[in-house]
Each structure stands twice: as structure tokens, then as C-alpha cells.
């Protein structure tokens, strides 16, 4: 199986944010949450969340977030299949 990174993903920033897929079907986003929280002015909020919830949190390390983004029509199909398989 071949994977061509340059035609299958969008890269943002300095190799720290990637977006795979299409908004119309599904997307996988991987990005530096530490940098994003500084840009949006929410770094104090997220630091308090990570300190409270994560024993291994180190303020000097970057936090990366992985998101699976599914549009409403994909979620409806998935839920419909789940309900059919349960019955």
C-alpha cells in the first residue's frame, strides 16, 4: 500500500498540524494544542485542565490533539447502521 503524504494531507505550520481527508466525508486532524491555545488566548484554561486531569502533565512539553471529524450525514448513516445491528 502506497501513501503519498503530499496529495493526501494538508500541512499547517512547522510540521506540527496535519489534516487528512475531506470535510464532506470525514477528516482526521492532528495538531499542536499548546500552540493553538496560545493563539486563541486559552493557554491558562487548558493548563489548568491538564494539570487537574493528567498526572504526567509537564508544562514544558507540547500537547498534541487528535480529532476525528465526521459531518452530520456520516453520523446519521453510522447511527442508523448501529441501530439496525442491535435489533
N, C-alpha and C. Protein backbone atom coordinates (compact mmCIF):
# COMPACT_ATOMS: atom_id res chain seq x y z
N UNK A 1 0.84 -1.18 0.00
CA UNK A 1 0.00 0.00 0.00
C UNK A 1 0.89 1.24 0.00
N UNK A 2 0.64 2.13 -0.92
CA UNK A 2 1.41 3.36 -1.00
C UNK A 2 0.60 4.52 -0.45
N UNK A 3 1.29 5.43 0.20
CA UNK A 3 0.65 6.61 0.76
C UNK A 3 1.48 7.82 0.35
N UNK A 4 0.89 8.69 -0.42
CA UNK A 4 1.57 9.91 -0.83
C UNK A 4 1.12 11.04 0.09
N UNK A 5 1.97 11.38 1.04
CA UNK A 5 1.64 12.38 2.04
C UNK A 5 1.27 13.71 1.40
N UNK A 6 1.95 14.08 0.35
CA UNK A 6 1.74 15.40 -0.25
C UNK A 6 0.39 15.54 -0.95
N UNK A 7 -0.23 14.45 -1.39
CA UNK A 7 -1.53 14.55 -2.05
C UNK A 7 -2.68 14.09 -1.14
N UNK A 8 -2.36 13.58 0.04
CA UNK A 8 -3.38 13.03 0.92
C UNK A 8 -3.60 13.84 2.19
N UNK A 9 -2.78 14.85 2.42
CA UNK A 9 -2.90 15.61 3.65
C UNK A 9 -2.56 17.07 3.40
N UNK A 10 -3.04 17.90 4.32
CA UNK A 10 -2.70 19.31 4.31
C UNK A 10 -1.86 19.56 5.56
N UNK A 11 -0.77 20.26 5.38
CA UNK A 11 0.13 20.55 6.49
C UNK A 11 0.07 22.03 6.81
N UNK A 12 -0.03 22.32 8.12
CA UNK A 12 -0.05 23.71 8.56
C UNK A 12 1.14 23.93 9.49
N UNK A 13 1.63 25.14 9.53
CA UNK A 13 2.70 25.47 10.47
C UNK A 13 3.99 24.75 10.15
N UNK A 14 4.79 24.59 11.18
CA UNK A 14 6.12 23.98 11.03
C UNK A 14 6.06 22.50 11.39
N UNK A 15 5.42 21.72 10.54
CA UNK A 15 5.31 20.26 10.75
C UNK A 15 4.64 19.90 12.08
N UNK A 16 3.67 20.70 12.51
CA UNK A 16 3.00 20.37 13.77
C UNK A 16 1.49 20.30 13.68
N UNK A 17 0.93 20.49 12.48
CA UNK A 17 -0.51 20.39 12.29
C UNK A 17 -0.80 19.76 10.94
N UNK A 18 -1.65 18.71 10.95
CA UNK A 18 -1.95 17.98 9.73
C UNK A 18 -3.44 17.70 9.66
N UNK A 19 -3.97 17.72 8.45
CA UNK A 19 -5.39 17.44 8.23
C UNK A 19 -5.50 16.43 7.11
N UNK A 20 -6.10 15.28 7.39
CA UNK A 20 -6.28 14.21 6.42
C UNK A 20 -7.76 14.08 6.10
N UNK A 21 -8.11 13.86 4.84
CA UNK A 21 -9.49 13.63 4.45
C UNK A 21 -10.17 14.88 3.95
N UNK A 22 -11.50 14.76 3.81
CA UNK A 22 -12.31 15.85 3.27
C UNK A 22 -13.46 16.15 4.22
N UNK A 23 -13.83 17.41 4.29
CA UNK A 23 -14.92 17.82 5.19
C UNK A 23 -16.24 17.17 4.80
N UNK A 24 -16.41 16.81 3.54
CA UNK A 24 -17.66 16.23 3.08
C UNK A 24 -17.82 14.76 3.49
N UNK A 25 -16.73 14.09 3.84
CA UNK A 25 -16.84 12.68 4.24
C UNK A 25 -16.33 12.48 5.66
N UNK A 26 -15.07 12.64 5.89
CA UNK A 26 -14.50 12.57 7.23
C UNK A 26 -13.09 13.14 7.20
N UNK A 27 -12.65 13.58 8.36
CA UNK A 27 -11.32 14.15 8.47
C UNK A 27 -10.67 13.68 9.76
N UNK A 28 -9.35 13.57 9.70
CA UNK A 28 -8.54 13.31 10.87
C UNK A 28 -7.60 14.50 11.01
N UNK A 29 -7.68 15.18 12.13
CA UNK A 29 -6.83 16.34 12.38
C UNK A 29 -5.86 16.00 13.50
N UNK A 30 -4.61 16.32 13.31
CA UNK A 30 -3.57 16.16 14.33
C UNK A 30 -2.88 17.52 14.44
N UNK A 31 -2.92 18.10 15.62
CA UNK A 31 -2.32 19.43 15.74
C UNK A 31 -1.77 19.69 17.14
N UNK A 32 -0.91 20.70 17.22
CA UNK A 32 -0.29 21.09 18.46
C UNK A 32 -1.28 21.96 19.26
N UNK A 33 -1.88 21.35 20.26
CA UNK A 33 -2.88 22.05 21.07
C UNK A 33 -2.24 23.16 21.90
N UNK A 34 -0.99 22.99 22.28
CA UNK A 34 -0.30 24.01 23.05
C UNK A 34 -0.21 25.30 22.25
N UNK A 35 0.24 25.21 21.00
CA UNK A 35 0.35 26.41 20.16
C UNK A 35 -1.02 27.01 19.87
N UNK A 36 -2.01 26.16 19.60
CA UNK A 36 -3.37 26.65 19.30
C UNK A 36 -3.94 27.40 20.50
N UNK A 37 -3.70 26.91 21.71
CA UNK A 37 -4.25 27.57 22.90
C UNK A 37 -3.59 28.92 23.16
N UNK A 38 -2.33 29.06 22.79
CA UNK A 38 -1.66 30.36 22.93
C UNK A 38 -2.26 31.36 21.94
N UNK A 39 -2.47 30.93 20.69
CA UNK A 39 -3.02 31.81 19.66
C UNK A 39 -4.43 32.27 20.02
N UNK A 40 -5.24 31.37 20.58
CA UNK A 40 -6.62 31.72 20.92
C UNK A 40 -6.76 32.34 22.31
N UNK A 41 -5.66 32.45 23.04
CA UNK A 41 -5.70 33.06 24.37
C UNK A 41 -6.28 32.17 25.45
N UNK A 42 -6.24 30.86 25.24
CA UNK A 42 -6.82 29.93 26.21
C UNK A 42 -5.78 29.04 26.88
N UNK A 43 -4.53 29.46 26.88
CA UNK A 43 -3.48 28.60 27.43
C UNK A 43 -3.63 28.40 28.94
N UNK A 44 -4.06 29.42 29.68
CA UNK A 44 -4.26 29.26 31.12
C UNK A 44 -5.38 28.26 31.42
N UNK A 45 -6.45 28.34 30.64
CA UNK A 45 -7.56 27.40 30.82
C UNK A 45 -7.10 25.96 30.60
N UNK A 46 -6.45 25.70 29.46
CA UNK A 46 -6.03 24.34 29.15
C UNK A 46 -4.96 23.84 30.10
N UNK A 47 -4.07 24.70 30.55
CA UNK A 47 -3.06 24.29 31.53
C UNK A 47 -3.73 23.79 32.79
N UNK A 48 -4.77 24.50 33.25
CA UNK A 48 -5.47 24.07 34.47
C UNK A 48 -6.19 22.73 34.26
N UNK A 49 -6.74 22.53 33.06
CA UNK A 49 -7.41 21.25 32.76
C UNK A 49 -6.39 20.12 32.77
N UNK A 50 -5.27 20.30 32.09
CA UNK A 50 -4.26 19.25 32.01
C UNK A 50 -3.64 18.96 33.38
N UNK A 51 -3.41 19.98 34.17
CA UNK A 51 -2.84 19.76 35.50
C UNK A 51 -3.80 18.99 36.39
N UNK A 52 -5.10 19.27 36.27
CA UNK A 52 -6.09 18.60 37.11
C UNK A 52 -6.36 17.17 36.66
N UNK A 53 -6.29 16.90 35.36
CA UNK A 53 -6.70 15.61 34.81
C UNK A 53 -5.55 14.67 34.47
N UNK A 54 -4.34 15.17 34.40
CA UNK A 54 -3.25 14.34 33.90
C UNK A 54 -2.08 14.36 34.88
N UNK A 55 -1.81 13.21 35.45
CA UNK A 55 -0.71 13.11 36.40
C UNK A 55 0.62 13.35 35.71
N UNK A 56 0.73 12.94 34.46
CA UNK A 56 2.00 13.03 33.74
C UNK A 56 2.20 14.35 33.01
N UNK A 57 1.35 15.33 33.25
CA UNK A 57 1.46 16.61 32.55
C UNK A 57 2.75 17.31 32.92
N UNK A 58 3.48 17.76 31.91
CA UNK A 58 4.70 18.54 32.10
C UNK A 58 4.51 19.83 31.32
N UNK A 59 4.54 20.95 32.00
CA UNK A 59 4.27 22.24 31.38
C UNK A 59 5.25 22.57 30.25
N UNK A 60 6.43 21.97 30.26
CA UNK A 60 7.44 22.24 29.24
C UNK A 60 7.23 21.44 27.96
N UNK A 61 6.36 20.43 28.00
CA UNK A 61 6.09 19.60 26.82
C UNK A 61 4.87 20.12 26.06
N UNK A 62 4.90 19.93 24.74
CA UNK A 62 3.74 20.28 23.93
C UNK A 62 2.66 19.21 24.05
N UNK A 63 1.41 19.63 23.97
CA UNK A 63 0.27 18.72 23.96
C UNK A 63 -0.25 18.66 22.53
N UNK A 64 -0.41 17.46 22.00
CA UNK A 64 -0.96 17.27 20.66
C UNK A 64 -2.36 16.70 20.78
N UNK A 65 -3.23 17.13 19.91
CA UNK A 65 -4.61 16.65 19.91
C UNK A 65 -4.88 15.92 18.60
N UNK A 66 -5.63 14.84 18.70
CA UNK A 66 -6.06 14.07 17.53
C UNK A 66 -7.58 14.10 17.52
N UNK A 67 -8.15 14.58 16.41
CA UNK A 67 -9.60 14.69 16.30
C UNK A 67 -10.09 13.91 15.07
N UNK A 68 -11.14 13.16 15.25
CA UNK A 68 -11.84 12.54 14.13
C UNK A 68 -13.09 13.38 13.90
N UNK A 69 -13.18 13.99 12.73
CA UNK A 69 -14.29 14.89 12.41
C UNK A 69 -15.22 14.22 11.41
N UNK A 70 -16.46 14.03 11.84
CA UNK A 70 -17.47 13.40 10.98
C UNK A 70 -18.62 14.37 10.76
N UNK A 71 -18.98 14.63 9.50
CA UNK A 71 -20.12 15.51 9.25
C UNK A 71 -21.43 14.83 9.64
N UNK A 72 -22.47 15.63 9.79
CA UNK A 72 -23.77 15.13 10.23
C UNK A 72 -24.32 13.99 9.42
N UNK A 73 -24.19 14.05 8.08
CA UNK A 73 -24.75 12.97 7.26
C UNK A 73 -24.01 11.65 7.50
N UNK A 74 -22.72 11.69 7.75
CA UNK A 74 -21.96 10.47 8.04
C UNK A 74 -22.37 9.91 9.39
N UNK A 75 -22.56 10.78 10.37
CA UNK A 75 -23.01 10.33 11.69
C UNK A 75 -24.39 9.69 11.63
N UNK A 76 -25.30 10.26 10.85
CA UNK A 76 -26.64 9.69 10.71
C UNK A 76 -26.57 8.29 10.12
N UNK A 77 -25.77 8.10 9.10
CA UNK A 77 -25.62 6.77 8.48
C UNK A 77 -25.03 5.79 9.49
N UNK A 78 -24.01 6.20 10.20
CA UNK A 78 -23.37 5.34 11.18
C UNK A 78 -24.34 4.95 12.29
N UNK A 79 -25.09 5.92 12.81
CA UNK A 79 -26.07 5.62 13.86
C UNK A 79 -27.18 4.70 13.36
N UNK A 80 -27.62 4.92 12.13
CA UNK A 80 -28.65 4.06 11.55
C UNK A 80 -28.15 2.62 11.47
N UNK A 81 -26.93 2.42 11.03
CA UNK A 81 -26.36 1.07 10.96
C UNK A 81 -26.22 0.45 12.33
N UNK A 82 -25.83 1.26 13.32
CA UNK A 82 -25.69 0.76 14.69
C UNK A 82 -27.04 0.27 15.22
N UNK A 83 -28.10 1.02 14.96
CA UNK A 83 -29.42 0.66 15.44
C UNK A 83 -29.94 -0.61 14.76
N UNK A 84 -29.67 -0.75 13.46
CA UNK A 84 -30.10 -1.94 12.72
C UNK A 84 -29.38 -3.16 13.25
N UNK A 85 -28.12 -3.05 13.53
CA UNK A 85 -27.33 -4.19 14.01
C UNK A 85 -27.68 -4.59 15.43
N UNK A 86 -28.24 -3.70 16.21
CA UNK A 86 -28.63 -4.01 17.60
C UNK A 86 -29.92 -4.80 17.65
N UNK A 87 -30.78 -4.62 16.66
CA UNK A 87 -32.11 -5.25 16.69
C UNK A 87 -32.04 -6.66 16.19
